[in-house]
């Protein structure tokens, strides 16, 4: 899963430290660190506050944007079978 990496990338794009993000959503900096290192996952109740703080969509958070782009790219190279 790439959730942790997506959190880290979005946080850095916002210019936030782990501590600043943690304060905005009401968790510890250690929790954010665990998420980013894939050692843990945010509670589902934190998804909306997390995407709001990072100013991204849930699709972006969960990597669905990238998966959709890969599907489009791959569909251009798929040969029809008879």
C-alpha atoms as a PDB file:
ATOM      1  CA  UNK A   1       0.000   0.000   0.000  1.00  0.00           C
ATOM      2  CA  UNK A   2       1.240   3.476  -0.756  1.00  0.00           C
ATOM      3  CA  UNK A   3      -0.887   5.378   1.740  1.00  0.00           C
ATOM      4  CA  UNK A   4       2.063   6.360   3.922  1.00  0.00           C
ATOM      5  CA  UNK A   5       4.056   7.663   0.987  1.00  0.00           C
ATOM      6  CA  UNK A   6       1.048   9.649  -0.243  1.00  0.00           C
ATOM      7  CA  UNK A   7       0.665  11.245   3.204  1.00  0.00           C
ATOM      8  CA  UNK A   8       4.355  12.148   3.284  1.00  0.00           C
ATOM      9  CA  UNK A   9       4.328  13.639  -0.227  1.00  0.00           C
ATOM     10  CA  UNK A  10       1.174  15.681   0.420  1.00  0.00           C
ATOM     11  CA  UNK A  11       2.449  16.875   3.811  1.00  0.00           C
ATOM     12  CA  UNK A  12       5.720  18.054   2.302  1.00  0.00           C
ATOM     13  CA  UNK A  13       3.898  19.784  -0.560  1.00  0.00           C
ATOM     14  CA  UNK A  14       1.951  21.699   2.069  1.00  0.00           C
ATOM     15  CA  UNK A  15       5.210  22.609   3.814  1.00  0.00           C
ATOM     16  CA  UNK A  16       4.104  20.950   7.050  1.00  0.00           C
ATOM     17  CA  UNK A  17       6.175  19.063   9.566  1.00  0.00           C
ATOM     18  CA  UNK A  18       4.833  15.830  11.006  1.00  0.00           C
ATOM     19  CA  UNK A  19       4.163  17.707  14.231  1.00  0.00           C
ATOM     20  CA  UNK A  20       2.225  20.483  12.485  1.00  0.00           C
ATOM     21  CA  UNK A  21       0.061  17.992  10.607  1.00  0.00           C
ATOM     22  CA  UNK A  22      -0.494  16.032  13.799  1.00  0.00           C
ATOM     23  CA  UNK A  23      -1.639  19.145  15.645  1.00  0.00           C
ATOM     24  CA  UNK A  24      -4.101  20.012  12.863  1.00  0.00           C
ATOM     25  CA  UNK A  25      -5.833  16.637  13.020  1.00  0.00           C
ATOM     26  CA  UNK A  26      -5.494  15.912  16.729  1.00  0.00           C
ATOM     27  CA  UNK A  27      -2.941  13.094  16.811  1.00  0.00           C
ATOM     28  CA  UNK A  28       0.682  12.787  17.869  1.00  0.00           C
ATOM     29  CA  UNK A  29       3.647  13.371  15.577  1.00  0.00           C
ATOM     30  CA  UNK A  30       4.572   9.748  16.300  1.00  0.00           C
ATOM     31  CA  UNK A  31       1.255   8.643  14.772  1.00  0.00           C
ATOM     32  CA  UNK A  32       2.001  10.572  11.580  1.00  0.00           C
ATOM     33  CA  UNK A  33       5.488   9.059  11.522  1.00  0.00           C
ATOM     34  CA  UNK A  34       4.030   5.538  11.842  1.00  0.00           C
ATOM     35  CA  UNK A  35       1.643   6.190   8.955  1.00  0.00           C
ATOM     36  CA  UNK A  36       4.380   7.550   6.729  1.00  0.00           C
ATOM     37  CA  UNK A  37       6.656   4.602   7.462  1.00  0.00           C
ATOM     38  CA  UNK A  38       3.786   2.156   6.810  1.00  0.00           C
ATOM     39  CA  UNK A  39       4.040   0.890  10.410  1.00  0.00           C
ATOM     40  CA  UNK A  40       0.414   1.826  11.027  1.00  0.00           C
ATOM     41  CA  UNK A  41      -2.656   3.284   9.395  1.00  0.00           C
ATOM     42  CA  UNK A  42      -4.786   6.283  10.345  1.00  0.00           C
ATOM     43  CA  UNK A  43      -8.123   5.509  11.938  1.00  0.00           C
ATOM     44  CA  UNK A  44     -11.003   5.804   9.508  1.00  0.00           C
ATOM     45  CA  UNK A  45     -12.380   8.711  11.548  1.00  0.00           C
ATOM     46  CA  UNK A  46      -9.242  10.678  10.628  1.00  0.00           C
ATOM     47  CA  UNK A  47      -9.487  10.306   6.852  1.00  0.00           C
ATOM     48  CA  UNK A  48     -11.651  13.400   6.267  1.00  0.00           C
ATOM     49  CA  UNK A  49      -9.627  15.657   8.592  1.00  0.00           C
ATOM     50  CA  UNK A  50      -6.434  14.299   7.022  1.00  0.00           C
ATOM     51  CA  UNK A  51      -7.444  15.051   3.423  1.00  0.00           C
ATOM     52  CA  UNK A  52      -8.746  18.454   4.480  1.00  0.00           C
ATOM     53  CA  UNK A  53      -5.477  19.330   6.212  1.00  0.00           C
ATOM     54  CA  UNK A  54      -3.455  18.095   3.241  1.00  0.00           C
ATOM     55  CA  UNK A  55      -5.847  19.680   0.721  1.00  0.00           C
ATOM     56  CA  UNK A  56      -6.097  16.513  -1.350  1.00  0.00           C
ATOM     57  CA  UNK A  57      -8.917  14.174  -2.328  1.00  0.00           C
ATOM     58  CA  UNK A  58      -9.469  10.762  -0.801  1.00  0.00           C
ATOM     59  CA  UNK A  59      -8.659   9.314  -4.234  1.00  0.00           C
ATOM     60  CA  UNK A  60      -5.251  10.977  -4.071  1.00  0.00           C
ATOM     61  CA  UNK A  61      -4.694   9.850  -0.493  1.00  0.00           C
ATOM     62  CA  UNK A  62      -5.400   6.226  -1.372  1.00  0.00           C
ATOM     63  CA  UNK A  63      -3.503   6.350  -4.674  1.00  0.00           C
ATOM     64  CA  UNK A  64      -6.582   5.956  -6.835  1.00  0.00           C
ATOM     65  CA  UNK A  65      -5.579   8.906  -9.049  1.00  0.00           C
ATOM     66  CA  UNK A  66      -2.346   7.135  -9.920  1.00  0.00           C
ATOM     67  CA  UNK A  67      -4.133   3.830 -10.498  1.00  0.00           C
ATOM     68  CA  UNK A  68      -6.632   5.520 -12.831  1.00  0.00           C
ATOM     69  CA  UNK A  69      -3.781   7.112 -14.782  1.00  0.00           C
ATOM     70  CA  UNK A  70      -2.016   3.736 -15.055  1.00  0.00           C
ATOM     71  CA  UNK A  71      -5.248   2.153 -16.327  1.00  0.00           C
ATOM     72  CA  UNK A  72      -5.542   4.819 -19.027  1.00  0.00           C
ATOM     73  CA  UNK A  73      -1.889   4.432 -19.986  1.00  0.00           C
ATOM     74  CA  UNK A  74      -2.115   0.641 -20.091  1.00  0.00           C
ATOM     75  CA  UNK A  75      -5.304   0.708 -22.155  1.00  0.00           C
ATOM     76  CA  UNK A  76      -3.421   2.505 -24.943  1.00  0.00           C
ATOM     77  CA  UNK A  77      -0.981  -0.401 -25.194  1.00  0.00           C
ATOM     78  CA  UNK A  78      -3.435  -3.258 -24.894  1.00  0.00           C
ATOM     79  CA  UNK A  79      -3.788  -5.234 -28.085  1.00  0.00           C
ATOM     80  CA  UNK A  80      -7.304  -6.463 -28.843  1.00  0.00           C
ATOM     81  CA  UNK A  81      -7.579 -10.222 -29.022  1.00  0.00           C
ATOM     82  CA  UNK A  82      -9.651 -11.993 -31.646  1.00  0.00           C
END
